[in-house]
């Protein structure tokens, strides 16, 4: 299951990795990940050929440089999983005073 492989890879980058939401009293840096789209590609004969799974990974840290370093490590892990269409964005949560890296990518599930 590609989601389990991604989770294991993200845990290698940051031990505090969670699906969808953070637990209460989270310590940063931390990562959350989501499945954005899990669609199937259909062949002309009606069979399912492969599936593209689109993920979003958000890195939160009190330090901008730490968030960028973690983002680069995550991109490397995604490439190891044959991920592609990788994009990212710098964000900042003023209320929580946290730097955030939003990383969006697809992994082919064959």
PDB file of N, CA and C in Angstrom:
ATOM      1  N   UNK A   1       0.846  -1.177   0.000  1.00  0.00           N
ATOM      2  CA  UNK A   1       0.000   0.000   0.000  1.00  0.00           C
ATOM      3  C   UNK A   1       0.893   1.242   0.000  1.00  0.00           C
ATOM      4  N   UNK A   2       0.675   2.096  -0.974  1.00  0.00           N
ATOM      5  CA  UNK A   2       1.545   3.252  -1.158  1.00  0.00           C
ATOM      6  C   UNK A   2       1.475   4.219   0.030  1.00  0.00           C
ATOM      7  N   UNK A   3       0.324   4.316   0.656  1.00  0.00           N
ATOM      8  CA  UNK A   3       0.196   5.219   1.805  1.00  0.00           C
ATOM      9  C   UNK A   3       1.087   4.766   2.970  1.00  0.00           C
ATOM     10  N   UNK A   4       1.185   3.469   3.186  1.00  0.00           N
ATOM     11  CA  UNK A   4       2.063   2.956   4.249  1.00  0.00           C
ATOM     12  C   UNK A   4       3.525   3.222   3.930  1.00  0.00           C
ATOM     13  N   UNK A   5       3.897   3.073   2.653  1.00  0.00           N
ATOM     14  CA  UNK A   5       5.275   3.355   2.248  1.00  0.00           C
ATOM     15  C   UNK A   5       5.600   4.835   2.446  1.00  0.00           C
ATOM     16  N   UNK A   6       4.665   5.698   2.073  1.00  0.00           N
ATOM     17  CA  UNK A   6       4.887   7.131   2.261  1.00  0.00           C
ATOM     18  C   UNK A   6       5.029   7.457   3.744  1.00  0.00           C
ATOM     19  N   UNK A   7       4.144   6.907   4.560  1.00  0.00           N
ATOM     20  CA  UNK A   7       4.206   7.142   6.004  1.00  0.00           C
ATOM     21  C   UNK A   7       5.565   6.733   6.566  1.00  0.00           C
ATOM     22  N   UNK A   8       6.041   5.553   6.192  1.00  0.00           N
ATOM     23  CA  UNK A   8       7.344   5.086   6.673  1.00  0.00           C
ATOM     24  C   UNK A   8       8.464   6.022   6.233  1.00  0.00           C
ATOM     25  N   UNK A   9       8.406   6.478   4.998  1.00  0.00           N
ATOM     26  CA  UNK A   9       9.423   7.400   4.495  1.00  0.00           C
ATOM     27  C   UNK A   9       9.384   8.734   5.228  1.00  0.00           C
ATOM     28  N   UNK A  10       8.185   9.239   5.501  1.00  0.00           N
ATOM     29  CA  UNK A  10       8.059  10.511   6.213  1.00  0.00           C
ATOM     30  C   UNK A  10       8.550  10.386   7.651  1.00  0.00           C
ATOM     31  N   UNK A  11       8.304   9.235   8.276  1.00  0.00           N
ATOM     32  CA  UNK A  11       8.775   9.006   9.651  1.00  0.00           C
ATOM     33  C   UNK A  11      10.301   9.018   9.730  1.00  0.00           C
ATOM     34  N   UNK A  12      10.970   8.646   8.639  1.00  0.00           N
ATOM     35  CA  UNK A  12      12.424   8.713   8.602  1.00  0.00           C
ATOM     36  C   UNK A  12      12.906  10.167   8.603  1.00  0.00           C
ATOM     37  N   UNK A  13      12.095  11.050   8.066  1.00  0.00           N
ATOM     38  CA  UNK A  13      12.435  12.477   8.027  1.00  0.00           C
ATOM     39  C   UNK A  13      12.127  13.136   9.365  1.00  0.00           C
ATOM     40  N   UNK A  14      10.950  12.820   9.922  1.00  0.00           N
ATOM     41  CA  UNK A  14      10.521  13.414  11.196  1.00  0.00           C
ATOM     42  C   UNK A  14       9.660  12.404  11.947  1.00  0.00           C
ATOM     43  N   UNK A  15      10.060  12.078  13.151  1.00  0.00           N
ATOM     44  CA  UNK A  15       9.334  11.089  13.954  1.00  0.00           C
ATOM     45  C   UNK A  15       7.875  11.504  14.187  1.00  0.00           C
ATOM     46  N   UNK A  16       7.629  12.802  14.276  1.00  0.00           N
ATOM     47  CA  UNK A  16       6.273  13.300  14.527  1.00  0.00           C
ATOM     48  C   UNK A  16       5.548  13.506  13.187  1.00  0.00           C
ATOM     49  N   UNK A  17       5.093  12.391  12.615  1.00  0.00           N
ATOM     50  CA  UNK A  17       4.373  12.367  11.341  1.00  0.00           C
ATOM     51  C   UNK A  17       3.003  11.749  11.576  1.00  0.00           C
ATOM     52  N   UNK A  18       1.963  12.442  11.080  1.00  0.00           N
ATOM     53  CA  UNK A  18       0.589  12.016  11.366  1.00  0.00           C
ATOM     54  C   UNK A  18      -0.289  12.143  10.123  1.00  0.00           C
ATOM     55  N   UNK A  19      -1.265  11.244   9.968  1.00  0.00           N
ATOM     56  CA  UNK A  19      -2.241  11.409   8.889  1.00  0.00           C
ATOM     57  C   UNK A  19      -3.316  12.420   9.293  1.00  0.00           C
ATOM     58  N   UNK A  20      -3.599  13.352   8.442  1.00  0.00           N
ATOM     59  CA  UNK A  20      -4.720  14.292   8.473  1.00  0.00           C
ATOM     60  C   UNK A  20      -4.663  15.357   9.576  1.00  0.00           C
ATOM     61  N   UNK A  21      -4.531  14.982  10.854  1.00  0.00           N
ATOM     62  CA  UNK A  21      -4.539  15.980  11.933  1.00  0.00           C
ATOM     63  C   UNK A  21      -3.437  15.687  12.945  1.00  0.00           C
ATOM     64  N   UNK A  22      -3.035  16.729  13.655  1.00  0.00           N
ATOM     65  CA  UNK A  22      -2.059  16.569  14.730  1.00  0.00           C
ATOM     66  C   UNK A  22      -2.768  16.140  16.013  1.00  0.00           C
ATOM     67  N   UNK A  23      -2.087  15.377  16.860  1.00  0.00           N
ATOM     68  CA  UNK A  23      -2.645  15.106  18.190  1.00  0.00           C
ATOM     69  C   UNK A  23      -2.578  16.378  19.046  1.00  0.00           C
ATOM     70  N   UNK A  24      -3.272  16.381  20.156  1.00  0.00           N
ATOM     71  CA  UNK A  24      -3.190  17.522  21.072  1.00  0.00           C
ATOM     72  C   UNK A  24      -1.774  17.622  21.620  1.00  0.00           C
ATOM     73  N   UNK A  25      -1.395  18.838  21.980  1.00  0.00           N
ATOM     74  CA  UNK A  25      -0.083  19.100  22.588  1.00  0.00           C
ATOM     75  C   UNK A  25       1.085  18.654  21.705  1.00  0.00           C
ATOM     76  N   UNK A  26       0.972  18.903  20.410  1.00  0.00           N
ATOM     77  CA  UNK A  26       2.025  18.515  19.470  1.00  0.00           C
ATOM     78  C   UNK A  26       3.278  19.369  19.689  1.00  0.00           C
ATOM     79  N   UNK A  27       4.411  18.755  19.513  1.00  0.00           N
ATOM     80  CA  UNK A  27       5.699  19.441  19.569  1.00  0.00           C
ATOM     81  C   UNK A  27       6.197  19.572  18.131  1.00  0.00           C
ATOM     82  N   UNK A  28       6.721  20.726  17.787  1.00  0.00           N
ATOM     83  CA  UNK A  28       7.197  20.969  16.427  1.00  0.00           C
ATOM     84  C   UNK A  28       8.714  20.905  16.371  1.00  0.00           C
ATOM     85  N   UNK A  29       9.286  20.478  15.245  1.00  0.00           N
ATOM     86  CA  UNK A  29       8.670  20.293  13.939  1.00  0.00           C
ATOM     87  C   UNK A  29       7.810  19.024  13.892  1.00  0.00           C
ATOM     88  N   UNK A  30       6.862  19.057  12.976  1.00  0.00           N
ATOM     89  CA  UNK A  30       5.959  17.924  12.789  1.00  0.00           C
ATOM     90  C   UNK A  30       5.419  17.949  11.361  1.00  0.00           C
ATOM     91  N   UNK A  31       4.930  16.793  10.935  1.00  0.00           N
ATOM     92  CA  UNK A  31       4.426  16.614   9.573  1.00  0.00           C
ATOM     93  C   UNK A  31       3.023  16.022   9.640  1.00  0.00           C
ATOM     94  N   UNK A  32       2.139  16.533   8.779  1.00  0.00           N
ATOM     95  CA  UNK A  32       0.868  15.852   8.539  1.00  0.00           C
ATOM     96  C   UNK A  32       0.750  15.600   7.037  1.00  0.00           C
ATOM     97  N   UNK A  33       0.056  14.533   6.687  1.00  0.00           N
ATOM     98  CA  UNK A  33      -0.123  14.217   5.267  1.00  0.00           C
ATOM     99  C   UNK A  33      -1.572  13.831   5.009  1.00  0.00           C
ATOM    100  N   UNK A  34      -1.995  14.058   3.757  1.00  0.00           N
ATOM    101  CA  UNK A  34      -3.365  13.791   3.328  1.00  0.00           C
ATOM    102  C   UNK A  34      -3.336  13.110   1.963  1.00  0.00           C
ATOM    103  N   UNK A  35      -4.328  12.290   1.704  1.00  0.00           N
ATOM    104  CA  UNK A  35      -4.592  11.841   0.345  1.00  0.00           C
ATOM    105  C   UNK A  35      -5.556  12.870  -0.241  1.00  0.00           C
ATOM    106  N   UNK A  36      -5.118  13.542  -1.307  1.00  0.00           N
ATOM    107  CA  UNK A  36      -5.944  14.555  -1.961  1.00  0.00           C
ATOM    108  C   UNK A  36      -6.837  13.922  -3.017  1.00  0.00           C
ATOM    109  N   UNK A  37      -6.288  12.947  -3.756  1.00  0.00           N
ATOM    110  CA  UNK A  37      -7.048  12.294  -4.818  1.00  0.00           C
ATOM    111  C   UNK A  37      -6.473  10.899  -5.042  1.00  0.00           C
ATOM    112  N   UNK A  38      -7.327   9.922  -5.110  1.00  0.00           N
ATOM    113  CA  UNK A  38      -6.928   8.543  -5.392  1.00  0.00           C
ATOM    114  C   UNK A  38      -7.781   8.064  -6.563  1.00  0.00           C
ATOM    115  N   UNK A  39      -7.340   8.423  -7.774  1.00  0.00           N
ATOM    116  CA  UNK A  39      -8.146   8.130  -8.958  1.00  0.00           C
ATOM    117  C   UNK A  39      -7.523   7.007  -9.771  1.00  0.00           C
ATOM    118  N   UNK A  40      -8.363   6.306 -10.504  1.00  0.00           N
ATOM    119  CA  UNK A  40      -7.904   5.208 -11.343  1.00  0.00           C
ATOM    120  C   UNK A  40      -7.926   5.635 -12.799  1.00  0.00           C
ATOM    121  N   UNK A  41      -6.919   5.207 -13.557  1.00  0.00           N
ATOM    122  CA  UNK A  41      -6.893   5.414 -15.004  1.00  0.00           C
ATOM    123  C   UNK A  41      -7.466   4.167 -15.655  1.00  0.00           C
ATOM    124  N   UNK A  42      -8.403   4.361 -16.573  1.00  0.00           N
ATOM    125  CA  UNK A  42      -9.078   3.224 -17.184  1.00  0.00           C
ATOM    126  C   UNK A  42      -8.617   3.049 -18.626  1.00  0.00           C
ATOM    127  N   UNK A  43      -8.337   1.826 -18.988  1.00  0.00           N
ATOM    128  CA  UNK A  43      -7.955   1.499 -20.363  1.00  0.00           C
ATOM    129  C   UNK A  43      -9.201   1.480 -21.237  1.00  0.00           C
ATOM    130  N   UNK A  44      -9.000   1.502 -22.550  1.00  0.00           N
ATOM    131  CA  UNK A  44     -10.133   1.504 -23.482  1.00  0.00           C
ATOM    132  C   UNK A  44     -10.973   0.235 -23.382  1.00  0.00           C
ATOM    133  N   UNK A  45     -10.372  -0.863 -22.899  1.00  0.00           N
ATOM    134  CA  UNK A  45     -11.134  -2.104 -22.752  1.00  0.00           C
ATOM    135  C   UNK A  45     -11.889  -2.170 -21.418  1.00  0.00           C
ATOM    136  N   UNK A  46     -11.790  -1.102 -20.610  1.00  0.00           N
ATOM    137  CA  UNK A  46     -12.524  -1.050 -19.355  1.00  0.00           C
ATOM    138  C   UNK A  46     -11.732  -1.475 -18.138  1.00  0.00           C
ATOM    139  N   UNK A  47     -10.564  -2.087 -18.344  1.00  0.00           N
ATOM    140  CA  UNK A  47      -9.734  -2.512 -17.212  1.00  0.00           C
ATOM    141  C   UNK A  47      -9.026  -1.306 -16.590  1.00  0.00           C
ATOM    142  N   UNK A  48      -8.770  -1.425 -15.293  1.00  0.00           N
ATOM    143  CA  UNK A  48      -7.998  -0.386 -14.623  1.00  0.00           C
ATOM    144  C   UNK A  48      -6.518  -0.624 -14.907  1.00  0.00           C
ATOM    145  N   UNK A  49      -5.832   0.403 -15.444  1.00  0.00           N
ATOM    146  CA  UNK A  49      -4.416   0.258 -15.790  1.00  0.00           C
ATOM    147  C   UNK A  49      -3.530   0.572 -14.601  1.00  0.00           C
ATOM    148  N   UNK A  50      -3.654   1.748 -14.069  1.00  0.00           N
ATOM    149  CA  UNK A  50      -2.860   2.155 -12.918  1.00  0.00           C
ATOM    150  C   UNK A  50      -3.600   3.266 -12.201  1.00  0.00           C
ATOM    151  N   UNK A  51      -3.084   3.628 -11.060  1.00  0.00           N
ATOM    152  CA  UNK A  51      -3.753   4.656 -10.273  1.00  0.00           C
ATOM    153  C   UNK A  51      -2.738   5.700  -9.858  1.00  0.00           C
ATOM    154  N   UNK A  52      -3.131   6.950 -10.010  1.00  0.00           N
ATOM    155  CA  UNK A  52      -2.329   8.056  -9.514  1.00  0.00           C
ATOM    156  C   UNK A  52      -2.900   8.467  -8.165  1.00  0.00           C
ATOM    157  N   UNK A  53      -2.061   8.485  -7.155  1.00  0.00           N
ATOM    158  CA  UNK A  53      -2.492   8.940  -5.836  1.00  0.00           C
ATOM    159  C   UNK A  53      -1.824  10.283  -5.596  1.00  0.00           C
ATOM    160  N   UNK A  54      -2.638  11.296  -5.346  1.00  0.00           N
ATOM    161  CA  UNK A  54      -2.112  12.635  -5.094  1.00  0.00           C
ATOM    162  C   UNK A  54      -2.124  12.890  -3.592  1.00  0.00           C
ATOM    163  N   UNK A  55      -0.980  13.310  -3.081  1.00  0.00           N
ATOM    164  CA  UNK A  55      -0.814  13.580  -1.663  1.00  0.00           C
ATOM    165  C   UNK A  55      -0.480  15.043  -1.419  1.00  0.00           C
ATOM    166  N   UNK A  56      -0.802  15.484  -0.236  1.00  0.00           N
ATOM    167  CA  UNK A  56      -0.304  16.757   0.266  1.00  0.00           C
ATOM    168  C   UNK A  56       0.381  16.468   1.590  1.00  0.00           C
ATOM    169  N   UNK A  57       1.591  17.011   1.731  1.00  0.00           N
ATOM    170  CA  UNK A  57       2.344  16.888   2.974  1.00  0.00           C
ATOM    171  C   UNK A  57       2.615  18.304   3.464  1.00  0.00           C
ATOM    172  N   UNK A  58       2.313  18.556   4.726  1.00  0.00           N
ATOM    173  CA  UNK A  58       2.567  19.855   5.341  1.00  0.00           C
ATOM    174  C   UNK A  58       3.596  19.692   6.449  1.00  0.00           C
ATOM    175  N   UNK A  59       4.642  20.502   6.363  1.00  0.00           N
ATOM    176  CA  UNK A  59       5.700  20.523   7.365  1.00  0.00           C
ATOM    177  C   UNK A  59       5.514  21.790   8.187  1.00  0.00           C
ATOM    178  N   UNK A  60       5.501  21.661   9.497  1.00  0.00           N
ATOM    179  CA  UNK A  60       5.369  22.811  10.398  1.00  0.00           C
ATOM    180  C   UNK A  60       6.596  22.885  11.294  1.00  0.00           C
ATOM    181  N   UNK A  61       7.134  24.099  11.424  1.00  0.00           N
ATOM    182  CA  UNK A  61       8.306  24.302  12.264  1.00  0.00           C
ATOM    183  C   UNK A  61       8.341  25.751  12.749  1.00  0.00           C
ATOM    184  N   UNK A  62       8.989  25.987  13.870  1.00  0.00           N
ATOM    185  CA  UNK A  62       9.184  27.354  14.357  1.00  0.00           C
ATOM    186  C   UNK A  62      10.277  28.058  13.566  1.00  0.00           C
ATOM    187  N   UNK A  63      11.078  27.309  12.846  1.00  0.00           N
ATOM    188  CA  UNK A  63      12.202  27.852  12.090  1.00  0.00           C
ATOM    189  C   UNK A  63      11.970  27.708  10.587  1.00  0.00           C
ATOM    190  N   UNK A  64      12.154  28.801   9.859  1.00  0.00           N
ATOM    191  CA  UNK A  64      12.021  28.761   8.400  1.00  0.00           C
ATOM    192  C   UNK A  64      13.044  27.810   7.783  1.00  0.00           C
ATOM    193  N   UNK A  65      14.294  27.918   8.195  1.00  0.00           N
ATOM    194  CA  UNK A  65      15.338  27.076   7.599  1.00  0.00           C
ATOM    195  C   UNK A  65      15.098  25.594   7.893  1.00  0.00           C
ATOM    196  N   UNK A  66      14.616  25.277   9.077  1.00  0.00           N
ATOM    197  CA  UNK A  66      14.309  23.880   9.397  1.00  0.00           C
ATOM    198  C   UNK A  66      13.166  23.365   8.524  1.00  0.00           C
ATOM    199  N   UNK A  67      12.147  24.191   8.319  1.00  0.00           N
ATOM    200  CA  UNK A  67      11.024  23.760   7.477  1.00  0.00           C
ATOM    201  C   UNK A  67      11.486  23.500   6.048  1.00  0.00           C
ATOM    202  N   UNK A  68      12.401  24.343   5.541  1.00  0.00           N
ATOM    203  CA  UNK A  68      12.919  24.150   4.182  1.00  0.00           C
ATOM    204  C   UNK A  68      13.787  22.893   4.087  1.00  0.00           C
ATOM    205  N   UNK A  69      14.593  22.640   5.095  1.00  0.00           N
ATOM    206  CA  UNK A  69      15.435  21.442   5.117  1.00  0.00           C
ATOM    207  C   UNK A  69      14.568  20.181   5.130  1.00  0.00           C
ATOM    208  N   UNK A  70      13.540  20.170   5.964  1.00  0.00           N
ATOM    209  CA  UNK A  70      12.638  19.021   6.018  1.00  0.00           C
ATOM    210  C   UNK A  70      11.920  18.836   4.686  1.00  0.00           C
ATOM    211  N   UNK A  71      11.524  19.941   4.059  1.00  0.00           N
ATOM    212  CA  UNK A  71      10.872  19.855   2.750  1.00  0.00           C
ATOM    213  C   UNK A  71      11.783  19.173   1.743  1.00  0.00           C
ATOM    214  N   UNK A  72      13.048  19.558   1.698  1.00  0.00           N
ATOM    215  CA  UNK A  72      13.987  18.959   0.753  1.00  0.00           C
ATOM    216  C   UNK A  72      14.160  17.461   1.018  1.00  0.00           C
ATOM    217  N   UNK A  73      14.205  17.079   2.274  1.00  0.00           N
ATOM    218  CA  UNK A  73      14.322  15.661   2.618  1.00  0.00           C
ATOM    219  C   UNK A  73      13.078  14.889   2.178  1.00  0.00           C
ATOM    220  N   UNK A  74      11.924  15.503   2.329  1.00  0.00           N
ATOM    221  CA  UNK A  74      10.671  14.860   1.911  1.00  0.00           C
ATOM    222  C   UNK A  74      10.635  14.699   0.398  1.00  0.00           C
ATOM    223  N   UNK A  75      11.037  15.717  -0.333  1.00  0.00           N
ATOM    224  CA  UNK A  75      11.065  15.629  -1.799  1.00  0.00           C
ATOM    225  C   UNK A  75      11.967  14.478  -2.229  1.00  0.00           C
ATOM    226  N   UNK A  76      13.113  14.321  -1.595  1.00  0.00           N
ATOM    227  CA  UNK A  76      14.017  13.215  -1.898  1.00  0.00           C
ATOM    228  C   UNK A  76      13.316  11.871  -1.660  1.00  0.00           C
ATOM    229  N   UNK A  77      12.610  11.744  -0.540  1.00  0.00           N
ATOM    230  CA  UNK A  77      11.891  10.496  -0.222  1.00  0.00           C
ATOM    231  C   UNK A  77      10.789  10.222  -1.244  1.00  0.00           C
ATOM    232  N   UNK A  78      10.089  11.275  -1.668  1.00  0.00           N
ATOM    233  CA  UNK A  78       9.024  11.123  -2.670  1.00  0.00           C
ATOM    234  C   UNK A  78       9.613  10.621  -3.989  1.00  0.00           C
ATOM    235  N   UNK A  79      10.749  11.172  -4.378  1.00  0.00           N
ATOM    236  CA  UNK A  79      11.404  10.722  -5.603  1.00  0.00           C
ATOM    237  C   UNK A  79      11.811   9.259  -5.496  1.00  0.00           C
ATOM    238  N   UNK A  80      12.240   8.811  -4.321  1.00  0.00           N
ATOM    239  CA  UNK A  80      12.572   7.393  -4.114  1.00  0.00           C
ATOM    240  C   UNK A  80      11.356   6.490  -4.314  1.00  0.00           C
ATOM    241  N   UNK A  81      10.163   7.034  -4.046  1.00  0.00           N
ATOM    242  CA  UNK A  81       8.917   6.273  -4.227  1.00  0.00           C
ATOM    243  C   UNK A  81       8.354   6.442  -5.637  1.00  0.00           C
ATOM    244  N   UNK A  82       9.175   6.979  -6.548  1.00  0.00           N
ATOM    245  CA  UNK A  82       8.773   7.235  -7.934  1.00  0.00           C
ATOM    246  C   UNK A  82       7.659   8.262  -8.037  1.00  0.00           C
ATOM    247  N   UNK A  83       7.686   9.220  -7.137  1.00  0.00           N
ATOM    248  CA  UNK A  83       6.716  10.309  -7.175  1.00  0.00           C
ATOM    249  C   UNK A  83       7.091  11.334  -8.232  1.00  0.00           C
ATOM    250  N   UNK A  84       6.109  12.116  -8.627  1.00  0.00           N
ATOM    251  CA  UNK A  84       6.326  13.155  -9.624  1.00  0.00           C
ATOM    252  C   UNK A  84       5.347  14.288  -9.449  1.00  0.00           C
ATOM    253  N   UNK A  85       5.402  15.238 -10.376  1.00  0.00           N
ATOM    254  CA  UNK A  85       4.549  16.430 -10.340  1.00  0.00           C
ATOM    255  C   UNK A  85       4.624  17.114  -8.969  1.00  0.00           C
ATOM    256  N   UNK A  86       5.838  17.271  -8.478  1.00  0.00           N
ATOM    257  CA  UNK A  86       6.045  17.818  -7.141  1.00  0.00           C
ATOM    258  C   UNK A  86       6.026  19.338  -7.188  1.00  0.00           C
ATOM    259  N   UNK A  87       5.226  19.930  -6.325  1.00  0.00           N
ATOM    260  CA  UNK A  87       5.227  21.389  -6.167  1.00  0.00           C
ATOM    261  C   UNK A  87       5.214  21.692  -4.670  1.00  0.00           C
ATOM    262  N   UNK A  88       5.686  22.893  -4.343  1.00  0.00           N
ATOM    263  CA  UNK A  88       5.690  23.272  -2.935  1.00  0.00           C
ATOM    264  C   UNK A  88       5.432  24.759  -2.800  1.00  0.00           C
ATOM    265  N   UNK A  89       5.100  25.149  -1.582  1.00  0.00           N
ATOM    266  CA  UNK A  89       4.765  26.540  -1.301  1.00  0.00           C
ATOM    267  C   UNK A  89       5.196  26.880   0.115  1.00  0.00           C
ATOM    268  N   UNK A  90       5.768  28.088   0.294  1.00  0.00           N
ATOM    269  CA  UNK A  90       6.110  28.606   1.621  1.00  0.00           C
ATOM    270  C   UNK A  90       4.889  29.299   2.207  1.00  0.00           C
ATOM    271  N   UNK A  91       4.550  28.962   3.435  1.00  0.00           N
ATOM    272  CA  UNK A  91       3.427  29.604   4.125  1.00  0.00           C
ATOM    273  C   UNK A  91       3.847  29.938   5.549  1.00  0.00           C
ATOM    274  N   UNK A  92       3.099  30.818   6.183  1.00  0.00           N
ATOM    275  CA  UNK A  92       3.381  31.173   7.572  1.00  0.00           C
ATOM    276  C   UNK A  92       2.077  31.379   8.312  1.00  0.00           C
ATOM    277  N   UNK A  93       1.943  30.758   9.472  1.00  0.00           N
ATOM    278  CA  UNK A  93       0.769  30.908  10.328  1.00  0.00           C
ATOM    279  C   UNK A  93       1.112  31.934  11.407  1.00  0.00           C
ATOM    280  N   UNK A  94       0.593  33.134  11.258  1.00  0.00           N
ATOM    281  CA  UNK A  94       0.910  34.224  12.195  1.00  0.00           C
ATOM    282  C   UNK A  94       0.377  33.958  13.599  1.00  0.00           C
ATOM    283  N   UNK A  95      -0.800  33.349  13.692  1.00  0.00           N
ATOM    284  CA  UNK A  95      -1.381  33.076  15.013  1.00  0.00           C
ATOM    285  C   UNK A  95      -0.534  32.094  15.808  1.00  0.00           C
ATOM    286  N   UNK A  96      -0.101  31.041  15.136  1.00  0.00           N
ATOM    287  CA  UNK A  96       0.687  30.001  15.806  1.00  0.00           C
ATOM    288  C   UNK A  96       2.194  30.254  15.724  1.00  0.00           C
ATOM    289  N   UNK A  97       2.585  31.237  14.901  1.00  0.00           N
ATOM    290  CA  UNK A  97       4.006  31.561  14.688  1.00  0.00           C
ATOM    291  C   UNK A  97       4.783  30.341  14.183  1.00  0.00           C
ATOM    292  N   UNK A  98       4.218  29.721  13.144  1.00  0.00           N
ATOM    293  CA  UNK A  98       4.819  28.524  12.568  1.00  0.00           C
ATOM    294  C   UNK A  98       5.062  28.708  11.073  1.00  0.00           C
ATOM    295  N   UNK A  99       6.226  28.280  10.628  1.00  0.00           N
ATOM    296  CA  UNK A  99       6.525  28.216   9.204  1.00  0.00           C
ATOM    297  C   UNK A  99       5.965  26.903   8.684  1.00  0.00           C
ATOM    298  N   UNK A 100       5.424  26.969   7.468  1.00  0.00           N
ATOM    299  CA  UNK A 100       4.797  25.781   6.887  1.00  0.00           C
ATOM    300  C   UNK A 100       5.282  25.606   5.461  1.00  0.00           C
ATOM    301  N   UNK A 101       5.619  24.386   5.120  1.00  0.00           N
ATOM    302  CA  UNK A 101       5.927  24.006   3.747  1.00  0.00           C
ATOM    303  C   UNK A 101       4.812  23.086   3.277  1.00  0.00           C
ATOM    304  N   UNK A 102       4.084  23.505   2.253  1.00  0.00           N
ATOM    305  CA  UNK A 102       3.038  22.694   1.648  1.00  0.00           C
ATOM    306  C   UNK A 102       3.660  22.009   0.441  1.00  0.00           C
ATOM    307  N   UNK A 103       3.626  20.686   0.421  1.00  0.00           N
ATOM    308  CA  UNK A 103       4.221  19.903  -0.658  1.00  0.00           C
ATOM    309  C   UNK A 103       3.106  19.052  -1.285  1.00  0.00           C
ATOM    310  N   UNK A 104       2.957  19.161  -2.578  1.00  0.00           N
ATOM    311  CA  UNK A 104       1.898  18.460  -3.320  1.00  0.00           C
ATOM    312  C   UNK A 104       2.572  17.595  -4.382  1.00  0.00           C
ATOM    313  N   UNK A 105       2.157  16.330  -4.503  1.00  0.00           N
ATOM    314  CA  UNK A 105       2.791  15.437  -5.465  1.00  0.00           C
ATOM    315  C   UNK A 105       1.892  14.250  -5.772  1.00  0.00           C
ATOM    316  N   UNK A 106       2.254  13.527  -6.825  1.00  0.00           N
ATOM    317  CA  UNK A 106       1.561  12.304  -7.201  1.00  0.00           C
ATOM    318  C   UNK A 106       2.530  11.135  -7.167  1.00  0.00           C
ATOM    319  N   UNK A 107       1.989   9.988  -6.791  1.00  0.00           N
ATOM    320  CA  UNK A 107       2.734   8.728  -6.865  1.00  0.00           C
ATOM    321  C   UNK A 107       1.869   7.740  -7.650  1.00  0.00           C
ATOM    322  N   UNK A 108       2.470   7.097  -8.639  1.00  0.00           N
ATOM    323  CA  UNK A 108       1.745   6.100  -9.427  1.00  0.00           C
ATOM    324  C   UNK A 108       1.643   4.794  -8.665  1.00  0.00           C
ATOM    325  N   UNK A 109       0.443   4.308  -8.608  1.00  0.00           N
ATOM    326  CA  UNK A 109       0.208   2.978  -8.018  1.00  0.00           C
ATOM    327  C   UNK A 109      -0.133   2.056  -9.186  1.00  0.00           C
ATOM    328  N   UNK A 110       0.704   1.074  -9.408  1.00  0.00           N
ATOM    329  CA  UNK A 110       0.518   0.181 -10.582  1.00  0.00           C
ATOM    330  C   UNK A 110      -0.056  -1.145 -10.126  1.00  0.00           C
TER     331      UNK A 110
END
